[in-house]
C-alpha atoms as a PDB file:
ATOM      1  CA  MET A   1      90.198  70.933  76.654  1.00  0.00           C
ATOM      2  CA  ARG A   2      93.714  70.986  75.219  1.00  0.00           C
ATOM      3  CA  PRO A   3      93.650  74.579  73.863  1.00  0.00           C
ATOM      4  CA  ALA A   4      92.161  75.830  77.148  1.00  0.00           C
ATOM      5  CA  LEU A   5      94.865  74.070  79.151  1.00  0.00           C
ATOM      6  CA  ALA A   6      97.546  75.502  76.889  1.00  0.00           C
ATOM      7  CA  LEU A   7      96.130  79.013  77.406  1.00  0.00           C
ATOM      8  CA  LEU A   8      96.100  78.569  81.192  1.00  0.00           C
ATOM      9  CA  LEU A   9      99.704  77.366  81.172  1.00  0.00           C
ATOM     10  CA  CYS A  10     100.805  80.276  79.011  1.00  0.00           C
ATOM     11  CA  VAL A  11      98.952  82.840  81.182  1.00  0.00           C
ATOM     12  CA  ALA A  12     100.549  81.340  84.277  1.00  0.00           C
ATOM     13  CA  ALA A  13     103.991  81.500  82.675  1.00  0.00           C
ATOM     14  CA  ILE A  14     103.512  85.139  81.677  1.00  0.00           C
ATOM     15  CA  ALA A  15     102.295  86.015  85.168  1.00  0.00           C
ATOM     16  CA  LYS A  16     105.351  84.368  86.705  1.00  0.00           C
ATOM     17  CA  ALA A  17     107.632  86.211  84.280  1.00  0.00           C
ATOM     18  CA  ALA A  18     105.980  89.549  85.083  1.00  0.00           C
ATOM     19  CA  PHE A  19     106.363  88.885  88.818  1.00  0.00           C
ATOM     20  CA  ALA A  20     110.031  88.022  88.295  1.00  0.00           C
ATOM     21  CA  GLN A  21     110.636  91.438  86.754  1.00  0.00           C
ATOM     22  CA  ALA A  22     109.905  93.015  90.123  1.00  0.00           C
ATOM     23  CA  LEU A  23     112.523  90.840  91.848  1.00  0.00           C
ATOM     24  CA  PRO A  24     116.323  91.039  91.756  1.00  0.00           C
ATOM     25  CA  ALA A  25     117.797  89.375  88.694  1.00  0.00           C
ATOM     26  CA  ALA A  26     118.170  85.647  89.222  1.00  0.00           C
ATOM     27  CA  SER A  27     119.322  82.666  87.237  1.00  0.00           C
ATOM     28  CA  GLY A  28     120.639  79.192  87.729  1.00  0.00           C
ATOM     29  CA  GLU A  29     117.343  77.426  88.398  1.00  0.00           C
ATOM     30  CA  HIS A  30     117.485  74.416  86.088  1.00  0.00           C
ATOM     31  CA  VAL A  31     119.577  76.186  83.431  1.00  0.00           C
ATOM     32  CA  HIS A  32     123.011  77.816  83.457  1.00  0.00           C
ATOM     33  CA  VAL A  33     123.499  80.745  81.058  1.00  0.00           C
ATOM     34  CA  ALA A  34     126.615  82.502  79.786  1.00  0.00           C
ATOM     35  CA  LEU A  35     127.519  85.044  77.096  1.00  0.00           C
ATOM     36  CA  ILE A  36     130.293  83.702  74.860  1.00  0.00           C
ATOM     37  CA  ALA A  37     132.104  84.712  71.661  1.00  0.00           C
ATOM     38  CA  GLU A  38     133.218  82.574  68.732  1.00  0.00           C
ATOM     39  CA  GLN A  39     136.366  84.599  68.051  1.00  0.00           C
ATOM     40  CA  THR A  40     139.099  85.965  70.281  1.00  0.00           C
ATOM     41  CA  ALA A  41     138.666  89.590  69.168  1.00  0.00           C
ATOM     42  CA  LEU A  42     136.523  92.051  67.248  1.00  0.00           C
ATOM     43  CA  VAL A  43     137.849  93.150  63.851  1.00  0.00           C
ATOM     44  CA  PRO A  44     136.893  96.586  62.431  1.00  0.00           C
ATOM     45  CA  GLY A  45     134.393  96.309  59.574  1.00  0.00           C
ATOM     46  CA  GLU A  46     133.780  92.587  60.044  1.00  0.00           C
ATOM     47  CA  ARG A  47     130.968  90.477  61.430  1.00  0.00           C
ATOM     48  CA  THR A  48     131.508  88.079  64.282  1.00  0.00           C
ATOM     49  CA  TRP A  49     129.306  85.760  66.341  1.00  0.00           C
ATOM     50  CA  VAL A  50     128.459  85.909  70.014  1.00  0.00           C
ATOM     51  CA  GLY A  51     125.856  83.773  71.688  1.00  0.00           C
ATOM     52  CA  LEU A  52     123.850  82.930  74.754  1.00  0.00           C
ATOM     53  CA  ARG A  53     124.909  79.474  75.901  1.00  0.00           C
ATOM     54  CA  LEU A  54     122.252  77.555  77.845  1.00  0.00           C
ATOM     55  CA  LYS A  55     123.065  74.372  79.743  1.00  0.00           C
ATOM     56  CA  HIS A  56     119.807  72.772  80.860  1.00  0.00           C
ATOM     57  CA  GLU A  57     119.384  70.305  83.676  1.00  0.00           C
ATOM     58  CA  PRO A  58     118.078  66.910  82.473  1.00  0.00           C
ATOM     59  CA  HIS A  59     114.381  66.971  81.464  1.00  0.00           C
ATOM     60  CA  TRP A  60     114.206  70.800  81.409  1.00  0.00           C
ATOM     61  CA  HIS A  61     113.909  72.934  78.274  1.00  0.00           C
ATOM     62  CA  THR A  62     113.681  76.529  77.048  1.00  0.00           C
ATOM     63  CA  TYR A  63     111.869  77.778  73.950  1.00  0.00           C
ATOM     64  CA  TRP A  64     112.229  78.472  70.234  1.00  0.00           C
ATOM     65  CA  ILE A  65     110.938  81.650  68.531  1.00  0.00           C
ATOM     66  CA  ASN A  66     107.567  79.852  68.217  1.00  0.00           C
ATOM     67  CA  PRO A  67     107.208  78.101  71.585  1.00  0.00           C
ATOM     68  CA  GLY A  68     104.290  75.850  70.611  1.00  0.00           C
ATOM     69  CA  ASP A  69     101.279  75.156  72.815  1.00  0.00           C
ATOM     70  CA  SER A  70     102.727  77.098  75.768  1.00  0.00           C
ATOM     71  CA  GLY A  71     105.859  78.916  76.813  1.00  0.00           C
ATOM     72  CA  LEU A  72     107.825  82.037  75.881  1.00  0.00           C
ATOM     73  CA  PRO A  73     110.867  82.440  73.615  1.00  0.00           C
ATOM     74  CA  THR A  74     114.154  83.615  75.083  1.00  0.00           C
ATOM     75  CA  LYS A  75     114.657  87.387  74.761  1.00  0.00           C
ATOM     76  CA  LEU A  76     117.901  89.372  74.603  1.00  0.00           C
ATOM     77  CA  ALA A  77     118.108  93.127  75.289  1.00  0.00           C
ATOM     78  CA  TRP A  78     121.517  94.558  74.337  1.00  0.00           C
ATOM     79  CA  GLN A  79     123.498  97.529  75.626  1.00  0.00           C
ATOM     80  CA  VAL A  80     126.564  98.065  73.427  1.00  0.00           C
ATOM     81  CA  PRO A  81     128.797 100.977  72.386  1.00  0.00           C
ATOM     82  CA  ALA A  82     128.137 103.010  69.254  1.00  0.00           C
ATOM     83  CA  GLY A  83     129.328 101.236  66.129  1.00  0.00           C
ATOM     84  CA  ILE A  84     128.561  97.759  67.494  1.00  0.00           C
ATOM     85  CA  LYS A  85     125.334  96.318  66.044  1.00  0.00           C
ATOM     86  CA  PRO A  86     123.996  92.989  67.341  1.00  0.00           C
ATOM     87  CA  GLY A  87     121.445  91.332  65.068  1.00  0.00           C
ATOM     88  CA  ASP A  88     118.591  88.986  65.862  1.00  0.00           C
ATOM     89  CA  ILE A  89     119.028  85.492  67.266  1.00  0.00           C
ATOM     90  CA  ALA A  90     119.815  83.002  64.483  1.00  0.00           C
ATOM     91  CA  TRP A  91     117.527  80.357  65.944  1.00  0.00           C
ATOM     92  CA  PRO A  92     118.797  76.769  65.711  1.00  0.00           C
ATOM     93  CA  ALA A  93     116.211  74.205  64.632  1.00  0.00           C
ATOM     94  CA  PRO A  94     114.119  73.197  67.640  1.00  0.00           C
ATOM     95  CA  GLN A  95     113.103  69.926  69.227  1.00  0.00           C
ATOM     96  CA  ARG A  96     109.492  68.934  69.881  1.00  0.00           C
ATOM     97  CA  PHE A  97     108.567  68.167  73.511  1.00  0.00           C
ATOM     98  CA  ASP A  98     105.388  66.302  74.468  1.00  0.00           C
ATOM     99  CA  VAL A  99     104.340  67.619  77.886  1.00  0.00           C
ATOM    100  CA  GLY A 100     101.165  65.849  78.965  1.00  0.00           C
ATOM    101  CA  GLY A 101      99.668  65.989  75.490  1.00  0.00           C
ATOM    102  CA  LEU A 102     100.795  69.563  74.818  1.00  0.00           C
ATOM    103  CA  TYR A 103     103.599  70.174  72.338  1.00  0.00           C
ATOM    104  CA  ASN A 104     106.370  72.666  73.023  1.00  0.00           C
ATOM    105  CA  PHE A 105     109.221  73.673  70.686  1.00  0.00           C
ATOM    106  CA  GLY A 106     112.652  74.456  72.056  1.00  0.00           C
ATOM    107  CA  TYR A 107     115.945  73.192  73.384  1.00  0.00           C
ATOM    108  CA  ALA A 108     117.299  70.757  75.954  1.00  0.00           C
ATOM    109  CA  GLY A 109     120.837  69.803  76.928  1.00  0.00           C
ATOM    110  CA  GLU A 110     123.414  72.399  75.827  1.00  0.00           C
ATOM    111  CA  ILE A 111     122.621  74.914  73.098  1.00  0.00           C
ATOM    112  CA  VAL A 112     124.007  78.244  71.902  1.00  0.00           C
ATOM    113  CA  LEU A 113     121.622  80.885  70.566  1.00  0.00           C
ATOM    114  CA  PRO A 114     124.008  82.670  68.159  1.00  0.00           C
ATOM    115  CA  VAL A 115     123.765  86.370  67.367  1.00  0.00           C
ATOM    116  CA  PRO A 116     125.669  88.115  64.529  1.00  0.00           C
ATOM    117  CA  VAL A 117     127.468  91.270  65.616  1.00  0.00           C
ATOM    118  CA  GLN A 118     128.629  93.806  63.052  1.00  0.00           C
ATOM    119  CA  VAL A 119     131.700  95.795  64.084  1.00  0.00           C
ATOM    120  CA  GLY A 120     132.002  99.368  62.828  1.00  0.00           C
ATOM    121  CA  THR A 121     134.926 100.375  60.643  1.00  0.00           C
ATOM    122  CA  ASP A 122     135.901 103.038  63.175  1.00  0.00           C
ATOM    123  CA  ALA A 123     136.627 100.504  65.930  1.00  0.00           C
ATOM    124  CA  ARG A 124     140.240 101.080  67.043  1.00  0.00           C
ATOM    125  CA  PRO A 125     142.663  98.132  67.297  1.00  0.00           C
ATOM    126  CA  GLY A 126     144.086  98.031  70.810  1.00  0.00           C
ATOM    127  CA  ALA A 127     140.821  99.169  72.390  1.00  0.00           C
ATOM    128  CA  THR A 128     138.419  96.922  74.281  1.00  0.00           C
ATOM    129  CA  VAL A 129     134.655  96.676  73.822  1.00  0.00           C
ATOM    130  CA  ARG A 130     132.186  95.731  76.528  1.00  0.00           C
ATOM    131  CA  LEU A 131     129.076  93.892  75.328  1.00  0.00           C
ATOM    132  CA  GLU A 132     126.207  93.765  77.802  1.00  0.00           C
ATOM    133  CA  LEU A 133     122.772  92.207  77.623  1.00  0.00           C
ATOM    134  CA  GLU A 134     119.855  91.248  79.764  1.00  0.00           C
ATOM    135  CA  ALA A 135     118.644  87.731  78.966  1.00  0.00           C
ATOM    136  CA  ARG A 136     115.154  86.556  79.899  1.00  0.00           C
ATOM    137  CA  TRP A 137     113.958  82.992  79.484  1.00  0.00           C
ATOM    138  CA  LEU A 138     111.370  80.497  80.640  1.00  0.00           C
ATOM    139  CA  VAL A 139     112.623  77.043  81.592  1.00  0.00           C
ATOM    140  CA  CYS A 140     110.077  74.255  81.926  1.00  0.00           C
ATOM    141  CA  ARG A 141     109.682  70.602  82.759  1.00  0.00           C
ATOM    142  CA  GLU A 142     106.022  70.264  83.693  1.00  0.00           C
ATOM    143  CA  GLU A 143     106.215  73.364  85.876  1.00  0.00           C
ATOM    144  CA  CYS A 144     107.887  76.535  84.541  1.00  0.00           C
ATOM    145  CA  VAL A 145     110.409  78.896  86.133  1.00  0.00           C
ATOM    146  CA  PRO A 146     111.184  82.332  84.605  1.00  0.00           C
ATOM    147  CA  GLY A 147     114.787  83.460  84.637  1.00  0.00           C
ATOM    148  CA  ARG A 148     116.629  86.704  84.088  1.00  0.00           C
ATOM    149  CA  LYS A 149     120.290  87.645  84.159  1.00  0.00           C
ATOM    150  CA  ARG A 150     122.496  90.525  83.068  1.00  0.00           C
ATOM    151  CA  LEU A 151     125.597  89.263  81.289  1.00  0.00           C
ATOM    152  CA  THR A 152     128.737  91.017  80.083  1.00  0.00           C
ATOM    153  CA  LEU A 153     131.555  90.105  77.722  1.00  0.00           C
ATOM    154  CA  THR A 154     134.665  92.192  77.099  1.00  0.00           C
ATOM    155  CA  LEU A 155     136.598  91.669  73.871  1.00  0.00           C
ATOM    156  CA  PRO A 156     139.683  93.362  72.442  1.00  0.00           C
ATOM    157  CA  VAL A 157     139.666  95.046  69.039  1.00  0.00           C
ATOM    158  CA  ALA A 158     142.349  93.718  66.721  1.00  0.00           C
ATOM    159  CA  THR A 159     143.265  93.689  63.040  1.00  0.00           C
ATOM    160  CA  HIS A 160     142.871  89.893  62.969  1.00  0.00           C
ATOM    161  CA  ALA A 161     140.999  87.353  65.085  1.00  0.00           C
ATOM    162  CA  GLY A 162     141.043  83.597  65.429  1.00  0.00           C
ATOM    163  CA  ILE A 163     138.490  81.075  66.636  1.00  0.00           C
ATOM    164  CA  ASP A 164     138.425  80.822  70.424  1.00  0.00           C
ATOM    165  CA  PRO A 165     139.313  77.190  71.250  1.00  0.00           C
ATOM    166  CA  ARG A 166     137.189  77.342  74.401  1.00  0.00           C
ATOM    167  CA  THR A 167     133.982  77.935  72.421  1.00  0.00           C
ATOM    168  CA  ARG A 168     134.849  76.247  69.105  1.00  0.00           C
ATOM    169  CA  LYS A 169     132.699  73.138  69.640  1.00  0.00           C
ATOM    170  CA  ALA A 170     129.726  75.070  71.030  1.00  0.00           C
ATOM    171  CA  PHE A 171     129.530  77.402  68.025  1.00  0.00           C
ATOM    172  CA  ALA A 172     130.215  74.604  65.550  1.00  0.00           C
ATOM    173  CA  ALA A 173     127.192  72.756  66.963  1.00  0.00           C
ATOM    174  CA  ALA A 174     125.061  75.928  66.862  1.00  0.00           C
ATOM    175  CA  HIS A 175     125.963  76.626  63.219  1.00  0.00           C
ATOM    176  CA  ALA A 176     125.325  72.987  62.275  1.00  0.00           C
ATOM    177  CA  ALA A 177     121.849  73.252  63.826  1.00  0.00           C
ATOM    178  CA  GLN A 178     120.946  76.276  61.674  1.00  0.00           C
ATOM    179  CA  PRO A 179     118.265  75.581  59.046  1.00  0.00           C
ATOM    180  CA  VAL A 180     119.785  75.831  55.569  1.00  0.00           C
ATOM    181  CA  ALA A 181     117.674  77.611  52.956  1.00  0.00           C
ATOM    182  CA  SER A 182     116.321  75.032  50.498  1.00  0.00           C
ATOM    183  CA  SER A 183     115.372  75.330  46.837  1.00  0.00           C
ATOM    184  CA  TRP A 184     112.108  73.460  47.360  1.00  0.00           C
ATOM    185  CA  THR A 185     108.901  74.800  45.861  1.00  0.00           C
ATOM    186  CA  GLY A 186     105.349  74.327  47.006  1.00  0.00           C
ATOM    187  CA  ALA A 187     102.436  76.064  48.657  1.00  0.00           C
ATOM    188  CA  ALA A 188     100.222  76.084  51.727  1.00  0.00           C
ATOM    189  CA  ARG A 189      96.435  75.993  51.652  1.00  0.00           C
ATOM    190  CA  LEU A 190      93.517  75.682  54.006  1.00  0.00           C
ATOM    191  CA  ASP A 191      91.559  72.451  53.779  1.00  0.00           C
ATOM    192  CA  GLY A 192      88.763  72.483  56.339  1.00  0.00           C
ATOM    193  CA  ASP A 193      90.344  72.088  59.777  1.00  0.00           C
ATOM    194  CA  GLN A 194      93.789  71.531  58.316  1.00  0.00           C
ATOM    195  CA  VAL A 195      96.610  73.551  56.833  1.00  0.00           C
ATOM    196  CA  VAL A 196      98.132  71.431  54.090  1.00  0.00           C
ATOM    197  CA  VAL A 197     101.659  72.096  52.861  1.00  0.00           C
ATOM    198  CA  THR A 198     103.050  70.561  49.682  1.00  0.00           C
ATOM    199  CA  LEU A 199     106.775  70.423  48.928  1.00  0.00           C
ATOM    200  CA  SER A 200     108.532  69.500  45.704  1.00  0.00           C
ATOM    201  CA  GLY A 201     112.189  69.440  44.758  1.00  0.00           C
ATOM    202  CA  SER A 202     115.402  67.518  45.131  1.00  0.00           C
ATOM    203  CA  GLU A 203     116.714  65.934  48.321  1.00  0.00           C
ATOM    204  CA  LEU A 204     113.352  65.809  50.053  1.00  0.00           C
ATOM    205  CA  PRO A 205     113.656  63.780  53.263  1.00  0.00           C
ATOM    206  CA  ALA A 206     111.817  60.508  53.715  1.00  0.00           C
ATOM    207  CA  ALA A 207     108.329  60.968  55.121  1.00  0.00           C
ATOM    208  CA  GLU A 208     108.967  58.670  58.084  1.00  0.00           C
ATOM    209  CA  SER A 209     112.120  60.494  59.231  1.00  0.00           C
ATOM    210  CA  LEU A 210     111.093  64.155  59.235  1.00  0.00           C
ATOM    211  CA  ASP A 211     109.489  66.652  61.573  1.00  0.00           C
ATOM    212  CA  ALA A 212     108.369  70.155  60.615  1.00  0.00           C
ATOM    213  CA  PHE A 213     107.865  73.424  62.493  1.00  0.00           C
ATOM    214  CA  VAL A 214     105.978  76.519  61.335  1.00  0.00           C
ATOM    215  CA  VAL A 215     107.708  79.730  62.417  1.00  0.00           C
ATOM    216  CA  GLN A 216     104.560  81.865  62.703  1.00  0.00           C
ATOM    217  CA  PRO A 217     102.597  81.255  65.929  1.00  0.00           C
ATOM    218  CA  GLN A 218      98.831  80.660  65.995  1.00  0.00           C
ATOM    219  CA  LEU A 219      98.802  79.524  62.392  1.00  0.00           C
ATOM    220  CA  VAL A 220      98.798  75.737  62.736  1.00  0.00           C
ATOM    221  CA  GLY A 221      98.314  73.371  65.645  1.00  0.00           C
ATOM    222  CA  TYR A 222     101.392  72.129  67.442  1.00  0.00           C
ATOM    223  CA  ALA A 223     100.975  68.371  67.142  1.00  0.00           C
ATOM    224  CA  PRO A 224     103.279  66.658  64.620  1.00  0.00           C
ATOM    225  CA  PRO A 225     101.963  66.929  61.054  1.00  0.00           C
ATOM    226  CA  ARG A 226     100.733  63.929  59.103  1.00  0.00           C
ATOM    227  CA  VAL A 227     103.296  63.400  56.353  1.00  0.00           C
ATOM    228  CA  ALA A 228     102.742  61.542  53.083  1.00  0.00           C
ATOM    229  CA  SER A 229     105.059  60.951  50.154  1.00  0.00           C
ATOM    230  CA  ARG A 230     103.504  61.418  46.725  1.00  0.00           C
ATOM    231  CA  GLY A 231     106.008  60.583  44.007  1.00  0.00           C
ATOM    232  CA  ASP A 232     108.551  63.401  43.950  1.00  0.00           C
ATOM    233  CA  SER A 233     106.658  65.545  46.462  1.00  0.00           C
ATOM    234  CA  LEU A 234     105.656  65.579  50.121  1.00  0.00           C
ATOM    235  CA  SER A 235     102.378  66.539  51.752  1.00  0.00           C
ATOM    236  CA  LEU A 236     102.302  67.773  55.355  1.00  0.00           C
ATOM    237  CA  ALA A 237      98.895  68.163  56.989  1.00  0.00           C
ATOM    238  CA  PHE A 238      98.843  70.292  60.155  1.00  0.00           C
ATOM    239  CA  GLU A 239      95.859  70.917  62.374  1.00  0.00           C
ATOM    240  CA  ARG A 240      94.490  74.419  61.826  1.00  0.00           C
ATOM    241  CA  ASN A 241      95.137  76.598  64.866  1.00  0.00           C
ATOM    242  CA  GLU A 242      91.908  77.538  66.607  1.00  0.00           C
ATOM    243  CA  TYR A 243      92.998  81.204  66.749  1.00  0.00           C
ATOM    244  CA  LEU A 244      93.662  81.476  63.000  1.00  0.00           C
ATOM    245  CA  ALA A 245      91.472  84.215  61.574  1.00  0.00           C
ATOM    246  CA  ALA A 246      93.362  85.129  58.408  1.00  0.00           C
ATOM    247  CA  THR A 247      96.457  83.599  56.911  1.00  0.00           C
ATOM    248  CA  PRO A 248      99.622  85.569  56.204  1.00  0.00           C
ATOM    249  CA  ALA A 249     100.835  85.878  52.637  1.00  0.00           C
ATOM    250  CA  THR A 250     103.519  83.269  53.262  1.00  0.00           C
ATOM    251  CA  LEU A 251     104.283  80.380  55.580  1.00  0.00           C
ATOM    252  CA  ASP A 252     107.813  79.926  56.938  1.00  0.00           C
ATOM    253  CA  LEU A 253     108.673  76.288  57.519  1.00  0.00           C
ATOM    254  CA  VAL A 254     111.621  74.489  59.123  1.00  0.00           C
ATOM    255  CA  VAL A 255     111.925  70.825  58.136  1.00  0.00           C
ATOM    256  CA  VAL A 256     114.125  68.596  60.298  1.00  0.00           C
ATOM    257  CA  ASP A 257     115.409  65.260  59.032  1.00  0.00           C
ATOM    258  CA  GLY A 258     116.899  62.539  61.217  1.00  0.00           C
ATOM    259  CA  ARG A 259     117.945  62.422  64.844  1.00  0.00           C
ATOM    260  CA  PRO A 260     121.013  63.745  66.700  1.00  0.00           C
ATOM    261  CA  PRO A 261     123.861  63.646  65.909  1.00  0.00           C
ATOM    262  CA  ASN A 262     122.788  63.135  62.278  1.00  0.00           C
ATOM    263  CA  ARG A 263     120.095  65.791  62.288  1.00  0.00           C
ATOM    264  CA  HIS A 264     119.722  68.228  59.385  1.00  0.00           C
ATOM    265  CA  ALA A 265     117.388  71.213  59.105  1.00  0.00           C
ATOM    266  CA  ARG A 266     116.241  73.140  56.049  1.00  0.00           C
ATOM    267  CA  SER A 267     114.001  76.162  55.699  1.00  0.00           C
ATOM    268  CA  VAL A 268     111.552  77.219  53.034  1.00  0.00           C
ATOM    269  CA  THR A 269     109.090  80.091  52.611  1.00  0.00           C
ATOM    270  CA  LEU A 270     105.898  79.131  50.789  1.00  0.00           C
ATOM    271  CA  PRO A 271     102.940  81.157  49.503  1.00  0.00           C
ATOM    272  CA  PHE A 272      99.437  80.594  50.761  1.00  0.00           C
ATOM    273  CA  ALA A 273      97.019  79.662  48.020  1.00  0.00           C
ATOM    274  CA  ALA A 274      94.362  81.959  49.487  1.00  0.00           C
ATOM    275  CA  ASN A 275      93.526  84.027  52.552  1.00  0.00           C
ATOM    276  CA  PRO A 276      90.479  82.834  54.465  1.00  0.00           C
ATOM    277  CA  SER A 277      87.818  85.155  55.747  1.00  0.00           C
ATOM    278  CA  ALA A 278      87.586  85.724  59.478  1.00  0.00           C
ATOM    279  CA  LYS A 279      86.460  82.768  61.522  1.00  0.00           C
ATOM    280  CA  PRO A 280      82.886  82.909  62.734  1.00  0.00           C
END
């Protein structure tokens, strides 16, 4: 029944989000959002960071790029002047939420979803630049509420820029939550109703202290993996997702070690040993 319930929840969430698109933009229900910048100005030819800051009410959460059993990731649609190029969200490592036996991946409390912005070399010092976006999110406890808001941020163009003291801590926390690329090796393979991942290398976390999240949706189940230490390697056994028909060439994994505030995340891309045939 669990997959069916997850599908019903996701369909309901999508229906609510679609309905919300027909209404005036609204926000503030269970999460406060703002567009903020790490630096005080834009510098021609340099990259800077802006971000969507979300402050959730207690017990409410929004979603990672892979939301888990149900939910929708936060989306950003930018409108910026020529020469200003926002990149994709640099997703911080998520938390795992157990909602009545379903597992969701996302964020609670305060979080910044950082976005790199490349400034063109023809930006003129002394000018101002208006950054505008429409943010859409789904915030959930047991019930879910879609949100949407248009946000703007105006920044000067200057030859030099410093860190904005008002947003220093928020961006420092967001950067610290970024998964760091690891040098681990390993592979993923199908083993009956499981997807088994093996990892080898230095500084592997202890089996009892880690959690792991697969970036690709509908590849593995969303319950925590079974983790075993085998000498200088780790084995992570995930449930196979019921919708998996054929594996991708690689599996992207985020491994989280420890608990806040001593929480560290690392990322690794692993090959699949083989591609399965379509499920019957």
